[in-house]
Amino acid sequence: MCCILDGSYIQNSHPSILERLKNCPDLTVEQTSAVVTLLTNGNTPYGVPSTWNEQTLKDLGMFTLYLPSSFYLRFDRDTKRNFLRYFLKVFGGVSREQRRRLKREIRQSITSDSEQTAECTAGVITQVTISDPAFPFDYSVNQFNNCLSVSTIKDNLDAITEKVDEEEYLRIVLQKLKEAGNSIISEDQVQLLSAASRVATVEDIRSWTISKIDTLAALMDSSNGGWDPSLVKVIISKYLAVGGNRLGSAELNIIGGPNLCSLDVDIIRTISSRNFR
């Protein structure tokens, strides 16, 4: 029941409430602000802010998914990098959206002197760089764009789309992949786009090859985020435009309820009652 308390109750409660709140499926901005107030008061098992270190972040556990960038300003870059590696390993079951939020807040707490440069100063991105669990922590958006080559994208697409969560970075991945194929992305590559598919435009999708049910399944994977209804229409239309493809029971289960709501009436009429059942 602690999960339904508003911020004023939380910040005036005994510090032991923090351990209860850790088990909540989500926290509002107001609740998170109250949690930060309790923590910074110093009367908790986590100690006073001046003593906080990497272990503090580890002990905070799931709380770190909700803490604002201003909270992370108290920690140096190495501490944040090491914590992120730890968190992604220990709490690997969190959703992609939660991962994205955590990375975004931590990144916003880091200042960069090379933000506007046209050169790669953070180090060329290689297969070894990508293998770091915290990748692309050490790269601002500018440096990610400058240091990631088209050939590296082609050779490591699966690994990159597995690690990269933030939309600004995903747009760069998609753009460089288009550059690699002269604006054409092969069907094998479409299957590996993961969350990068969600930043595509209608024009992007129209250039994709979507002929296999495996490709449709990869694109409809809900763990990569939701789809704009207008984009779902384009994807399914591309699939149905291939001779022999139809919306059978397998396709319907892959597309799922929310995405089926995006279909035009004319497409729905082509579905047999047997497949609907």
Protein backbone atom coordinates (compact mmCIF):
# COMPACT_ATOMS: atom_id res chain seq x y z
CA MET A 1 0.00 0.00 0.00
CA CYS A 2 3.01 2.28 0.30
CA CYS A 3 3.00 2.43 -3.50
CA ILE A 4 -0.18 4.55 -3.53
CA LEU A 5 1.07 7.20 -1.07
CA ASP A 6 1.70 10.68 -2.43
CA GLY A 7 4.95 12.58 -1.96
CA SER A 8 3.97 14.47 1.19
CA TYR A 9 3.31 11.22 3.07
CA ILE A 10 6.52 9.64 1.85
CA GLN A 11 8.89 12.48 2.75
CA ASN A 12 7.38 12.72 6.26
CA SER A 13 7.52 8.98 6.91
CA HIS A 14 10.08 6.89 8.75
CA PRO A 15 13.06 6.16 6.46
CA SER A 16 12.18 2.45 6.49
CA ILE A 17 9.47 3.26 3.94
CA LEU A 18 12.23 3.40 1.31
CA GLU A 19 12.68 -0.37 1.40
CA ARG A 20 8.93 -0.82 0.88
CA LEU A 21 8.90 1.58 -2.05
CA LYS A 22 11.66 -0.39 -3.77
CA ASN A 23 9.10 -3.11 -4.49
CA CYS A 24 6.66 -0.77 -6.29
CA PRO A 25 6.16 -1.50 -10.00
CA ASP A 26 6.56 2.21 -10.76
CA LEU A 27 6.97 5.57 -9.03
CA THR A 28 5.50 8.93 -10.00
CA VAL A 29 7.62 12.07 -10.33
CA GLU A 30 6.16 13.33 -7.05
CA GLN A 31 6.97 10.08 -5.25
CA THR A 32 10.50 10.08 -6.65
CA SER A 33 11.03 13.66 -5.48
CA ALA A 34 9.96 12.62 -1.99
CA VAL A 35 12.38 9.68 -2.08
CA VAL A 36 15.23 12.04 -3.03
CA THR A 37 14.24 14.34 -0.14
CA LEU A 38 14.42 11.45 2.32
CA LEU A 39 17.76 10.30 0.95
CA THR A 40 19.39 13.73 0.98
CA ASN A 41 18.27 14.37 4.56
CA GLY A 42 20.84 11.75 5.49
CA ASN A 43 18.75 9.92 8.10
CA THR A 44 18.65 6.65 6.18
CA PRO A 45 20.85 3.54 6.00
CA TYR A 46 22.38 5.05 2.85
CA GLY A 47 24.17 7.74 4.88
CA VAL A 48 24.71 11.42 4.13
CA PRO A 49 25.29 12.60 0.53
CA SER A 50 28.95 13.44 1.19
CA THR A 51 29.67 9.73 1.81
CA TRP A 52 27.82 8.35 -1.20
CA ASN A 53 29.78 6.21 -3.66
CA GLU A 54 29.34 3.40 -6.17
CA GLN A 55 28.13 1.03 -3.46
CA THR A 56 25.40 3.52 -2.56
CA LEU A 57 24.03 3.35 -6.10
CA LYS A 58 24.17 -0.44 -6.01
CA ASP A 59 22.32 -0.49 -2.68
CA LEU A 60 19.63 1.83 -4.03
CA GLY A 61 18.85 -0.86 -6.59
CA MET A 62 15.58 -0.29 -8.45
CA PHE A 63 15.31 3.27 -7.10
CA THR A 64 17.98 4.29 -9.59
CA LEU A 65 15.50 3.75 -12.42
CA TYR A 66 13.50 6.76 -11.24
CA LEU A 67 16.11 9.16 -9.88
CA PRO A 68 16.56 12.43 -11.82
CA SER A 69 19.79 13.57 -13.45
CA SER A 70 20.31 16.10 -10.64
CA PHE A 71 20.75 13.19 -8.22
CA TYR A 72 23.53 11.67 -10.34
CA LEU A 73 25.49 14.93 -10.34
CA ARG A 74 26.86 13.83 -6.95
CA PHE A 75 28.84 11.00 -8.56
CA ASP A 76 31.87 11.13 -10.84
CA ARG A 77 31.94 9.69 -14.35
CA ASP A 78 33.80 6.48 -13.46
CA THR A 79 31.37 5.74 -10.64
CA LYS A 80 28.40 6.16 -12.96
CA ARG A 81 29.99 4.00 -15.66
CA ASN A 82 30.80 1.18 -13.24
CA PHE A 83 27.35 1.34 -11.69
CA LEU A 84 25.68 1.17 -15.10
CA ARG A 85 27.69 -1.95 -15.96
CA TYR A 86 26.64 -3.50 -12.66
CA PHE A 87 22.97 -2.57 -13.02
CA LEU A 88 22.61 -3.87 -16.57
CA LYS A 89 24.15 -7.18 -15.50
CA VAL A 90 22.21 -7.68 -12.25
CA PHE A 91 18.89 -6.14 -13.29
CA GLY A 92 18.85 -7.33 -16.88
CA GLY A 93 15.14 -8.09 -16.70
CA VAL A 94 13.99 -4.45 -16.62
CA SER A 95 12.10 -3.16 -19.65
CA ARG A 96 13.78 -1.36 -22.52
CA GLU A 97 11.90 1.82 -21.60
CA GLN A 98 13.25 1.65 -18.03
CA ARG A 99 16.77 1.14 -19.36
CA ARG A 100 16.32 4.11 -21.66
CA ARG A 101 15.17 6.32 -18.80
CA LEU A 102 18.08 5.32 -16.57
CA LYS A 103 20.67 5.95 -19.29
CA ARG A 104 19.09 9.27 -20.23
CA GLU A 105 19.16 10.63 -16.67
CA ILE A 106 22.74 9.49 -16.08
CA ARG A 107 23.87 10.93 -19.41
CA GLN A 108 22.24 14.29 -18.66
CA SER A 109 24.33 14.47 -15.49
CA ILE A 110 27.54 14.31 -17.54
CA THR A 111 29.02 17.41 -19.16
CA SER A 112 31.03 17.05 -22.35
CA ASP A 113 33.62 19.43 -23.79
CA SER A 114 33.51 17.79 -27.22
CA GLU A 115 29.80 18.13 -27.92
CA GLN A 116 30.13 20.34 -30.98
CA THR A 117 33.32 18.99 -32.54
CA ALA A 118 33.26 17.45 -36.00
CA GLU A 119 35.98 14.96 -35.09
CA CYS A 120 36.02 11.68 -33.18
CA THR A 121 37.72 12.44 -29.87
CA ALA A 122 36.17 9.72 -27.68
CA GLY A 123 37.77 6.83 -29.57
CA VAL A 124 36.75 4.98 -32.73
CA ILE A 125 33.93 2.55 -32.01
CA THR A 126 34.98 -1.06 -32.65
CA GLN A 127 33.62 -4.51 -31.85
CA VAL A 128 35.57 -4.40 -28.58
CA THR A 129 34.04 -1.02 -27.68
CA ILE A 130 30.55 -2.35 -28.34
CA SER A 131 31.16 -5.38 -26.12
CA ASP A 132 31.35 -3.11 -23.04
CA PRO A 133 28.08 -3.63 -21.11
CA ALA A 134 27.83 0.14 -20.55
CA PHE A 135 28.21 1.03 -24.26
CA PRO A 136 27.61 3.75 -25.45
CA PHE A 137 28.08 5.45 -22.06
CA ASP A 138 31.33 7.22 -23.03
CA TYR A 139 29.88 8.72 -26.21
CA SER A 140 27.77 11.84 -26.43
CA VAL A 141 25.34 11.94 -29.35
CA ASN A 142 27.88 14.00 -31.29
CA GLN A 143 30.73 11.59 -30.58
CA PHE A 144 28.60 8.53 -31.27
CA ASN A 145 27.90 9.93 -34.72
CA ASN A 146 31.53 10.92 -35.34
CA CYS A 147 33.11 7.70 -34.06
CA LEU A 148 30.74 5.09 -35.51
CA SER A 149 31.60 4.03 -39.04
CA VAL A 150 29.20 2.62 -41.61
CA SER A 151 31.21 -0.62 -41.83
CA THR A 152 31.05 -1.09 -38.05
CA ILE A 153 27.27 -0.68 -38.17
CA LYS A 154 26.96 -3.34 -40.88
CA ASP A 155 29.23 -5.83 -39.12
CA ASN A 156 27.84 -5.34 -35.60
CA LEU A 157 24.20 -4.35 -36.11
CA ASP A 158 22.76 -6.97 -33.77
CA ALA A 159 25.14 -6.07 -30.90
CA ILE A 160 24.63 -2.33 -31.39
CA THR A 161 20.82 -2.41 -31.42
CA GLU A 162 20.89 -4.62 -28.33
CA LYS A 163 22.92 -2.04 -26.36
CA VAL A 164 21.65 1.29 -27.71
CA ASP A 165 18.36 2.47 -26.18
CA GLU A 166 18.14 6.26 -26.48
CA GLU A 167 16.25 7.61 -29.48
CA GLU A 168 18.91 10.12 -30.57
CA TYR A 169 21.45 7.30 -30.85
CA LEU A 170 19.00 4.96 -32.57
CA ARG A 171 18.36 7.58 -35.26
CA ILE A 172 22.10 7.68 -35.97
CA VAL A 173 22.18 3.87 -36.23
CA LEU A 174 19.31 3.89 -38.73
CA GLN A 175 20.81 6.73 -40.77
CA LYS A 176 24.23 5.08 -41.05
CA LEU A 177 22.63 1.78 -41.98
CA LYS A 178 20.81 3.57 -44.80
CA GLU A 179 24.11 5.09 -45.91
CA ALA A 180 25.65 1.62 -46.02
CA GLY A 181 23.02 0.36 -48.45
CA ASN A 182 22.31 3.49 -50.47
CA SER A 183 19.04 4.03 -48.56
CA ILE A 184 18.12 0.34 -48.87
CA ILE A 185 18.04 -1.86 -45.74
CA SER A 186 18.03 -5.59 -46.48
CA GLU A 187 15.48 -7.92 -44.93
CA ASP A 188 18.12 -9.61 -42.78
CA GLN A 189 19.06 -6.19 -41.40
CA VAL A 190 15.41 -5.23 -40.83
CA GLN A 191 15.11 -8.28 -38.58
CA LEU A 192 17.97 -6.93 -36.44
CA LEU A 193 16.77 -3.33 -36.10
CA SER A 194 15.19 -3.95 -32.70
CA ALA A 195 14.36 -0.59 -31.02
CA ALA A 196 15.91 1.31 -33.95
CA SER A 197 12.84 0.38 -35.99
CA ARG A 198 10.73 2.60 -33.74
CA VAL A 199 12.46 5.79 -34.89
CA ALA A 200 11.83 5.03 -38.58
CA THR A 201 9.60 7.21 -40.75
CA VAL A 202 6.97 6.09 -43.25
CA GLU A 203 9.49 6.74 -46.03
CA ASP A 204 12.08 4.57 -44.27
CA ILE A 205 9.68 1.64 -43.91
CA ARG A 206 8.59 1.85 -47.53
CA SER A 207 12.19 1.14 -48.54
CA TRP A 208 12.39 -2.00 -46.36
CA THR A 209 11.82 -5.55 -47.58
CA ILE A 210 9.19 -7.25 -45.40
CA SER A 211 8.35 -10.55 -47.07
CA LYS A 212 8.95 -13.12 -44.32
CA ILE A 213 6.87 -13.85 -41.26
CA ASP A 214 10.10 -13.79 -39.21
CA THR A 215 10.64 -10.19 -40.26
CA LEU A 216 7.09 -9.30 -39.27
CA ALA A 217 7.62 -11.00 -35.91
CA ALA A 218 10.86 -9.09 -35.28
CA LEU A 219 9.19 -5.76 -36.06
CA MET A 220 6.16 -6.48 -33.88
CA ASP A 221 8.24 -7.49 -30.82
CA SER A 222 6.62 -5.38 -28.08
CA SER A 223 9.77 -5.39 -25.94
CA ASN A 224 11.22 -2.83 -28.36
CA GLY A 225 8.41 -0.35 -27.69
CA GLY A 226 5.05 0.52 -29.18
CA TRP A 227 4.30 1.51 -32.76
CA ASP A 228 2.60 4.57 -34.15
CA PRO A 229 -0.61 3.27 -35.82
CA SER A 230 0.26 4.90 -39.15
CA LEU A 231 3.56 2.98 -39.25
CA VAL A 232 1.88 -0.33 -38.41
CA LYS A 233 -0.34 0.12 -41.47
CA VAL A 234 2.69 0.58 -43.71
CA ILE A 235 4.48 -2.46 -42.27
CA ILE A 236 1.50 -4.78 -42.69
CA SER A 237 0.73 -3.41 -46.15
CA LYS A 238 4.34 -4.12 -47.17
CA TYR A 239 4.00 -7.69 -45.90
CA LEU A 240 0.67 -8.28 -47.65
CA ALA A 241 1.98 -6.83 -50.92
CA VAL A 242 4.20 -9.92 -51.30
CA GLY A 243 2.53 -12.68 -53.32
CA GLY A 244 1.19 -15.50 -51.13
CA ASN A 245 1.28 -13.51 -47.88
CA ARG A 246 -1.92 -13.13 -45.90
CA LEU A 247 -3.07 -12.47 -42.37
CA GLY A 248 -3.39 -16.01 -41.12
CA SER A 249 -3.59 -17.08 -37.49
CA ALA A 250 0.22 -16.97 -37.11
CA GLU A 251 0.40 -13.41 -38.43
CA LEU A 252 -2.51 -12.27 -36.28
CA ASN A 253 -0.88 -13.61 -33.12
CA ILE A 254 2.40 -11.94 -34.07
CA ILE A 255 0.78 -8.57 -34.77
CA GLY A 256 -1.14 -8.63 -31.48
CA GLY A 257 -4.25 -6.81 -30.32
CA PRO A 258 -3.09 -3.17 -30.07
CA ASN A 259 -1.51 -3.22 -33.53
CA LEU A 260 -4.54 -4.93 -35.09
CA CYS A 261 -6.52 -1.84 -34.09
CA SER A 262 -4.50 0.09 -36.67
CA LEU A 263 -5.67 -1.98 -39.65
CA ASP A 264 -7.99 -0.58 -42.30
CA VAL A 265 -11.42 -2.14 -42.66
CA ASP A 266 -10.53 -3.45 -46.12
CA ILE A 267 -7.62 -5.45 -44.68
CA ILE A 268 -9.73 -6.77 -41.80
CA ARG A 269 -12.32 -8.06 -44.29
CA THR A 270 -9.67 -10.29 -45.89
CA ILE A 271 -9.18 -12.22 -42.63
CA SER A 272 -11.12 -15.49 -42.49
CA SER A 273 -13.40 -16.20 -39.55
CA ARG A 274 -11.38 -19.37 -38.89
CA ASN A 275 -8.17 -17.38 -38.47
CA PHE A 276 -9.95 -14.87 -36.25
CA ARG A 277 -11.04 -17.71 -33.97
